[in-house]
Amino acid sequence: MKSLLISFALLFGLSSVYAAEQKASEPQKVKVCVDVKDKEGKPVKDAKGNVKQNCKEMKAHKKLEGTEVPKK
């Protein structure tokens, strides 16, 4: 009975460590906004006089480090 409880405790402990590791490796989301422009290339303004923007959420991936490719 004790060995069964110990095995369950180890199983849940390892699974929580694995889940935390997976969460840390996920890319972060970044909000990117771009000004709206008309056909002439001028910024479009709303009723208050502010420039309209299109905003999207994008995933920011980490740049991987590597070695240089040898030149032939």
PDB file of N, CA and C in Angstrom:
ATOM      1  N   MET A   1       0.824  -1.188   0.000  1.00  0.00           N
ATOM      2  CA  MET A   1       0.000   0.000   0.000  1.00  0.00           C
ATOM      3  C   MET A   1       0.873   1.259   0.000  1.00  0.00           C
ATOM      4  N   LYS A   2       1.930   1.229   0.831  1.00  0.00           N
ATOM      5  CA  LYS A   2       2.810   2.390   0.901  1.00  0.00           C
ATOM      6  C   LYS A   2       3.525   2.599  -0.425  1.00  0.00           C
ATOM      7  N   SER A   3       3.926   1.507  -1.052  1.00  0.00           N
ATOM      8  CA  SER A   3       4.640   1.640  -2.329  1.00  0.00           C
ATOM      9  C   SER A   3       3.722   2.209  -3.412  1.00  0.00           C
ATOM     10  N   LEU A   4       2.445   1.876  -3.343  1.00  0.00           N
ATOM     11  CA  LEU A   4       1.480   2.415  -4.288  1.00  0.00           C
ATOM     12  C   LEU A   4       1.328   3.927  -4.110  1.00  0.00           C
ATOM     13  N   LEU A   5       1.244   4.383  -2.855  1.00  0.00           N
ATOM     14  CA  LEU A   5       1.136   5.808  -2.581  1.00  0.00           C
ATOM     15  C   LEU A   5       2.404   6.552  -2.995  1.00  0.00           C
ATOM     16  N   ILE A   6       3.542   5.962  -2.752  1.00  0.00           N
ATOM     17  CA  ILE A   6       4.811   6.581  -3.130  1.00  0.00           C
ATOM     18  C   ILE A   6       4.914   6.690  -4.650  1.00  0.00           C
ATOM     19  N   SER A   7       4.486   5.636  -5.346  1.00  0.00           N
ATOM     20  CA  SER A   7       4.553   5.679  -6.815  1.00  0.00           C
ATOM     21  C   SER A   7       3.625   6.748  -7.382  1.00  0.00           C
ATOM     22  N   PHE A   8       2.433   6.927  -6.804  1.00  0.00           N
ATOM     23  CA  PHE A   8       1.524   7.984  -7.246  1.00  0.00           C
ATOM     24  C   PHE A   8       2.115   9.367  -6.966  1.00  0.00           C
ATOM     25  N   ALA A   9       2.739   9.543  -5.823  1.00  0.00           N
ATOM     26  CA  ALA A   9       3.345  10.829  -5.478  1.00  0.00           C
ATOM     27  C   ALA A   9       4.470  11.163  -6.457  1.00  0.00           C
ATOM     28  N   LEU A  10       5.288  10.191  -6.791  1.00  0.00           N
ATOM     29  CA  LEU A  10       6.368  10.411  -7.755  1.00  0.00           C
ATOM     30  C   LEU A  10       5.809  10.719  -9.144  1.00  0.00           C
ATOM     31  N   LEU A  11       4.760  10.013  -9.522  1.00  0.00           N
ATOM     32  CA  LEU A  11       4.153  10.223 -10.830  1.00  0.00           C
ATOM     33  C   LEU A  11       3.613  11.648 -10.963  1.00  0.00           C
ATOM     34  N   PHE A  12       2.883  12.124  -9.957  1.00  0.00           N
ATOM     35  CA  PHE A  12       2.338  13.474 -10.003  1.00  0.00           C
ATOM     36  C   PHE A  12       3.435  14.521  -9.898  1.00  0.00           C
ATOM     37  N   GLY A  13       4.471  14.262  -9.143  1.00  0.00           N
ATOM     38  CA  GLY A  13       5.595  15.194  -9.036  1.00  0.00           C
ATOM     39  C   GLY A  13       6.321  15.340 -10.352  1.00  0.00           C
ATOM     40  N   LEU A  14       6.565  14.237 -11.038  1.00  0.00           N
ATOM     41  CA  LEU A  14       7.260  14.291 -12.322  1.00  0.00           C
ATOM     42  C   LEU A  14       6.397  14.938 -13.396  1.00  0.00           C
ATOM     43  N   SER A  15       5.100  14.683 -13.353  1.00  0.00           N
ATOM     44  CA  SER A  15       4.224  15.268 -14.367  1.00  0.00           C
ATOM     45  C   SER A  15       4.123  16.778 -14.191  1.00  0.00           C
ATOM     46  N   SER A  16       4.154  17.276 -12.951  1.00  0.00           N
ATOM     47  CA  SER A  16       4.089  18.726 -12.741  1.00  0.00           C
ATOM     48  C   SER A  16       5.380  19.394 -13.201  1.00  0.00           C
ATOM     49  N   VAL A  17       6.515  18.744 -13.015  1.00  0.00           N
ATOM     50  CA  VAL A  17       7.790  19.287 -13.486  1.00  0.00           C
ATOM     51  C   VAL A  17       7.796  19.318 -15.008  1.00  0.00           C
ATOM     52  N   TYR A  18       7.301  18.279 -15.646  1.00  0.00           N
ATOM     53  CA  TYR A  18       7.240  18.216 -17.103  1.00  0.00           C
ATOM     54  C   TYR A  18       6.317  19.302 -17.658  1.00  0.00           C
ATOM     55  N   ALA A  19       5.173  19.534 -17.004  1.00  0.00           N
ATOM     56  CA  ALA A  19       4.228  20.555 -17.462  1.00  0.00           C
ATOM     57  C   ALA A  19       4.830  21.952 -17.322  1.00  0.00           C
ATOM     58  N   ALA A  20       5.556  22.206 -16.251  1.00  0.00           N
ATOM     59  CA  ALA A  20       6.187  23.510 -16.058  1.00  0.00           C
ATOM     60  C   ALA A  20       7.273  23.731 -17.112  1.00  0.00           C
ATOM     61  N   GLU A  21       7.989  22.684 -17.456  1.00  0.00           N
ATOM     62  CA  GLU A  21       9.036  22.783 -18.474  1.00  0.00           C
ATOM     63  C   GLU A  21       8.429  23.062 -19.841  1.00  0.00           C
ATOM     64  N   GLN A  22       7.309  22.430 -20.162  1.00  0.00           N
ATOM     65  CA  GLN A  22       6.637  22.660 -21.437  1.00  0.00           C
ATOM     66  C   GLN A  22       6.104  24.092 -21.511  1.00  0.00           C
ATOM     67  N   LYS A  23       5.586  24.608 -20.406  1.00  0.00           N
ATOM     68  CA  LYS A  23       5.042  25.954 -20.363  1.00  0.00           C
ATOM     69  C   LYS A  23       6.144  26.983 -20.612  1.00  0.00           C
ATOM     70  N   ALA A  24       7.330  26.744 -20.080  1.00  0.00           N
ATOM     71  CA  ALA A  24       8.438  27.682 -20.245  1.00  0.00           C
ATOM     72  C   ALA A  24       8.957  27.683 -21.680  1.00  0.00           C
ATOM     73  N   SER A  25       8.835  26.573 -22.377  1.00  0.00           N
ATOM     74  CA  SER A  25       9.377  26.498 -23.731  1.00  0.00           C
ATOM     75  C   SER A  25       8.415  27.048 -24.794  1.00  0.00           C
ATOM     76  N   GLU A  26       7.170  27.345 -24.426  1.00  0.00           N
ATOM     77  CA  GLU A  26       6.208  27.880 -25.389  1.00  0.00           C
ATOM     78  C   GLU A  26       6.577  29.320 -25.752  1.00  0.00           C
ATOM     79  N   PRO A  27       6.372  29.708 -26.998  1.00  0.00           N
ATOM     80  CA  PRO A  27       6.691  31.082 -27.391  1.00  0.00           C
ATOM     81  C   PRO A  27       5.729  32.077 -26.747  1.00  0.00           C
ATOM     82  N   GLN A  28       6.242  33.266 -26.454  1.00  0.00           N
ATOM     83  CA  GLN A  28       5.415  34.299 -25.863  1.00  0.00           C
ATOM     84  C   GLN A  28       4.657  35.030 -26.962  1.00  0.00           C
ATOM     85  N   LYS A  29       3.500  35.580 -26.605  1.00  0.00           N
ATOM     86  CA  LYS A  29       2.706  36.323 -27.577  1.00  0.00           C
ATOM     87  C   LYS A  29       3.023  37.805 -27.448  1.00  0.00           C
ATOM     88  N   VAL A  30       3.203  38.459 -28.598  1.00  0.00           N
ATOM     89  CA  VAL A  30       3.534  39.874 -28.646  1.00  0.00           C
ATOM     90  C   VAL A  30       2.472  40.581 -29.480  1.00  0.00           C
ATOM     91  N   LYS A  31       2.021  41.737 -29.022  1.00  0.00           N
ATOM     92  CA  LYS A  31       1.027  42.511 -29.759  1.00  0.00           C
ATOM     93  C   LYS A  31       1.763  43.459 -30.699  1.00  0.00           C
ATOM     94  N   VAL A  32       1.448  43.365 -32.002  1.00  0.00           N
ATOM     95  CA  VAL A  32       2.089  44.193 -33.020  1.00  0.00           C
ATOM     96  C   VAL A  32       1.015  45.040 -33.688  1.00  0.00           C
ATOM     97  N   CYS A  33       1.240  46.363 -33.737  1.00  0.00           N
ATOM     98  CA  CYS A  33       0.284  47.290 -34.348  1.00  0.00           C
ATOM     99  C   CYS A  33       0.931  47.996 -35.536  1.00  0.00           C
ATOM    100  N   VAL A  34       0.161  48.133 -36.622  1.00  0.00           N
ATOM    101  CA  VAL A  34       0.616  48.804 -37.834  1.00  0.00           C
ATOM    102  C   VAL A  34      -0.409  49.878 -38.180  1.00  0.00           C
ATOM    103  N   ASP A  35       0.078  51.087 -38.543  1.00  0.00           N
ATOM    104  CA  ASP A  35      -0.819  52.184 -38.914  1.00  0.00           C
ATOM    105  C   ASP A  35      -1.555  51.854 -40.207  1.00  0.00           C
ATOM    106  N   VAL A  36      -2.840  52.251 -40.274  1.00  0.00           N
ATOM    107  CA  VAL A  36      -3.647  52.071 -41.479  1.00  0.00           C
ATOM    108  C   VAL A  36      -3.358  53.234 -42.409  1.00  0.00           C
ATOM    109  N   LYS A  37      -3.116  52.937 -43.694  1.00  0.00           N
ATOM    110  CA  LYS A  37      -2.836  53.984 -44.674  1.00  0.00           C
ATOM    111  C   LYS A  37      -3.822  53.866 -45.832  1.00  0.00           C
ATOM    112  N   ASP A  38      -4.157  55.022 -46.439  1.00  0.00           N
ATOM    113  CA  ASP A  38      -5.063  55.012 -47.585  1.00  0.00           C
ATOM    114  C   ASP A  38      -4.283  54.722 -48.860  1.00  0.00           C
ATOM    115  N   LYS A  39      -4.963  54.839 -50.012  1.00  0.00           N
ATOM    116  CA  LYS A  39      -4.331  54.504 -51.294  1.00  0.00           C
ATOM    117  C   LYS A  39      -3.138  55.405 -51.611  1.00  0.00           C
ATOM    118  N   GLU A  40      -3.158  56.626 -51.120  1.00  0.00           N
ATOM    119  CA  GLU A  40      -2.077  57.574 -51.389  1.00  0.00           C
ATOM    120  C   GLU A  40      -0.895  57.395 -50.436  1.00  0.00           C
ATOM    121  N   GLY A  41      -1.050  56.576 -49.405  1.00  0.00           N
ATOM    122  CA  GLY A  41       0.026  56.337 -48.451  1.00  0.00           C
ATOM    123  C   GLY A  41      -0.031  57.231 -47.226  1.00  0.00           C
ATOM    124  N   LYS A  42      -1.112  58.000 -47.082  1.00  0.00           N
ATOM    125  CA  LYS A  42      -1.261  58.870 -45.921  1.00  0.00           C
ATOM    126  C   LYS A  42      -1.963  58.106 -44.800  1.00  0.00           C
ATOM    127  N   PRO A  43      -1.609  58.379 -43.541  1.00  0.00           N
ATOM    128  CA  PRO A  43      -2.272  57.672 -42.423  1.00  0.00           C
ATOM    129  C   PRO A  43      -3.739  58.075 -42.295  1.00  0.00           C
ATOM    130  N   VAL A  44      -4.595  57.102 -42.001  1.00  0.00           N
ATOM    131  CA  VAL A  44      -6.033  57.327 -41.837  1.00  0.00           C
ATOM    132  C   VAL A  44      -6.281  57.690 -40.379  1.00  0.00           C
ATOM    133  N   LYS A  45      -7.074  58.761 -40.151  1.00  0.00           N
ATOM    134  CA  LYS A  45      -7.373  59.211 -38.790  1.00  0.00           C
ATOM    135  C   LYS A  45      -8.845  58.972 -38.489  1.00  0.00           C
ATOM    136  N   ASP A  46      -9.149  58.699 -37.196  1.00  0.00           N
ATOM    137  CA  ASP A  46     -10.528  58.507 -36.778  1.00  0.00           C
ATOM    138  C   ASP A  46     -11.144  59.848 -36.378  1.00  0.00           C
ATOM    139  N   ALA A  47     -12.339  59.835 -35.791  1.00  0.00           N
ATOM    140  CA  ALA A  47     -13.063  61.065 -35.455  1.00  0.00           C
ATOM    141  C   ALA A  47     -12.326  61.902 -34.412  1.00  0.00           C
ATOM    142  N   LYS A  48     -11.574  61.270 -33.538  1.00  0.00           N
ATOM    143  CA  LYS A  48     -10.847  61.997 -32.491  1.00  0.00           C
ATOM    144  C   LYS A  48      -9.524  62.570 -32.992  1.00  0.00           C
ATOM    145  N   GLY A  49      -9.099  62.165 -34.162  1.00  0.00           N
ATOM    146  CA  GLY A  49      -7.838  62.657 -34.709  1.00  0.00           C
ATOM    147  C   GLY A  49      -6.676  61.707 -34.500  1.00  0.00           C
ATOM    148  N   ASN A  50      -6.952  60.549 -33.921  1.00  0.00           N
ATOM    149  CA  ASN A  50      -5.898  59.552 -33.720  1.00  0.00           C
ATOM    150  C   ASN A  50      -5.724  58.703 -34.981  1.00  0.00           C
ATOM    151  N   VAL A  51      -4.520  58.231 -35.203  1.00  0.00           N
ATOM    152  CA  VAL A  51      -4.249  57.378 -36.360  1.00  0.00           C
ATOM    153  C   VAL A  51      -4.802  55.985 -36.086  1.00  0.00           C
ATOM    154  N   LYS A  52      -5.565  55.446 -37.049  1.00  0.00           N
ATOM    155  CA  LYS A  52      -6.094  54.084 -36.901  1.00  0.00           C
ATOM    156  C   LYS A  52      -4.967  53.081 -37.015  1.00  0.00           C
ATOM    157  N   GLN A  53      -5.100  51.971 -36.273  1.00  0.00           N
ATOM    158  CA  GLN A  53      -4.081  50.929 -36.298  1.00  0.00           C
ATOM    159  C   GLN A  53      -4.722  49.562 -36.410  1.00  0.00           C
ATOM    160  N   ASN A  54      -4.051  48.652 -37.124  1.00  0.00           N
ATOM    161  CA  ASN A  54      -4.424  47.245 -37.159  1.00  0.00           C
ATOM    162  C   ASN A  54      -3.495  46.523 -36.205  1.00  0.00           C
ATOM    163  N   CYS A  55      -4.051  45.843 -35.210  1.00  0.00           N
ATOM    164  CA  CYS A  55      -3.235  45.146 -34.214  1.00  0.00           C
ATOM    165  C   CYS A  55      -3.494  43.644 -34.294  1.00  0.00           C
ATOM    166  N   LYS A  56      -2.425  42.877 -34.166  1.00  0.00           N
ATOM    167  CA  LYS A  56      -2.513  41.417 -34.152  1.00  0.00           C
ATOM    168  C   LYS A  56      -1.589  40.875 -33.079  1.00  0.00           C
ATOM    169  N   GLU A  57      -1.923  39.691 -32.559  1.00  0.00           N
ATOM    170  CA  GLU A  57      -1.038  39.016 -31.613  1.00  0.00           C
ATOM    171  C   GLU A  57      -0.233  37.976 -32.364  1.00  0.00           C
ATOM    172  N   MET A  58       1.084  38.013 -32.177  1.00  0.00           N
ATOM    173  CA  MET A  58       1.970  37.079 -32.862  1.00  0.00           C
ATOM    174  C   MET A  58       2.818  36.343 -31.834  1.00  0.00           C
ATOM    175  N   LYS A  59       3.250  35.169 -32.185  1.00  0.00           N
ATOM    176  CA  LYS A  59       4.137  34.407 -31.321  1.00  0.00           C
ATOM    177  C   LYS A  59       5.576  34.824 -31.582  1.00  0.00           C
ATOM    178  N   ALA A  60       6.292  35.136 -30.508  1.00  0.00           N
ATOM    179  CA  ALA A  60       7.699  35.519 -30.635  1.00  0.00           C
ATOM    180  C   ALA A  60       8.543  34.294 -30.304  1.00  0.00           C
ATOM    181  N   HIS A  61       9.170  33.723 -31.318  1.00  0.00           N
ATOM    182  CA  HIS A  61       9.991  32.541 -31.118  1.00  0.00           C
ATOM    183  C   HIS A  61      11.413  32.950 -30.747  1.00  0.00           C
ATOM    184  N   LYS A  62      12.059  32.124 -29.961  1.00  0.00           N
ATOM    185  CA  LYS A  62      13.440  32.386 -29.588  1.00  0.00           C
ATOM    186  C   LYS A  62      14.346  31.993 -30.744  1.00  0.00           C
ATOM    187  N   LYS A  63      15.363  32.799 -30.959  1.00  0.00           N
ATOM    188  CA  LYS A  63      16.311  32.496 -32.013  1.00  0.00           C
ATOM    189  C   LYS A  63      17.271  31.427 -31.496  1.00  0.00           C
ATOM    190  N   LEU A  64      17.422  30.380 -32.273  1.00  0.00           N
ATOM    191  CA  LEU A  64      18.299  29.300 -31.874  1.00  0.00           C
ATOM    192  C   LEU A  64      19.732  29.637 -32.236  1.00  0.00           C
ATOM    193  N   GLU A  65      20.646  29.262 -31.347  1.00  0.00           N
ATOM    194  CA  GLU A  65      22.058  29.477 -31.610  1.00  0.00           C
ATOM    195  C   GLU A  65      22.625  28.232 -32.276  1.00  0.00           C
ATOM    196  N   GLY A  66      23.549  28.448 -33.177  1.00  0.00           N
ATOM    197  CA  GLY A  66      24.145  27.321 -33.873  1.00  0.00           C
ATOM    198  C   GLY A  66      25.571  27.642 -34.270  1.00  0.00           C
ATOM    199  N   THR A  67      26.195  26.710 -34.912  1.00  0.00           N
ATOM    200  CA  THR A  67      27.565  26.930 -35.372  1.00  0.00           C
ATOM    201  C   THR A  67      27.536  27.406 -36.815  1.00  0.00           C
ATOM    202  N   GLU A  68      28.615  28.070 -37.239  1.00  0.00           N
ATOM    203  CA  GLU A  68      28.693  28.554 -38.615  1.00  0.00           C
ATOM    204  C   GLU A  68      28.877  27.395 -39.562  1.00  0.00           C
ATOM    205  N   VAL A  69      28.291  27.523 -40.738  1.00  0.00           N
ATOM    206  CA  VAL A  69      28.443  26.505 -41.766  1.00  0.00           C
ATOM    207  C   VAL A  69      29.797  26.722 -42.441  1.00  0.00           C
ATOM    208  N   PRO A  70      30.607  25.719 -42.505  1.00  0.00           N
ATOM    209  CA  PRO A  70      31.926  25.907 -43.135  1.00  0.00           C
ATOM    210  C   PRO A  70      31.795  26.188 -44.629  1.00  0.00           C
ATOM    211  N   LYS A  71      32.631  27.142 -45.109  1.00  0.00           N
ATOM    212  CA  LYS A  71      32.602  27.486 -46.532  1.00  0.00           C
ATOM    213  C   LYS A  71      33.480  26.519 -47.297  1.00  0.00           C
ATOM    214  N   LYS A  72      33.052  26.208 -48.512  1.00  0.00           N
ATOM    215  CA  LYS A  72      33.800  25.235 -49.337  1.00  0.00           C
ATOM    216  C   LYS A  72      34.951  25.887 -50.034  1.00  0.00           C
TER     217      LYS A  72
END
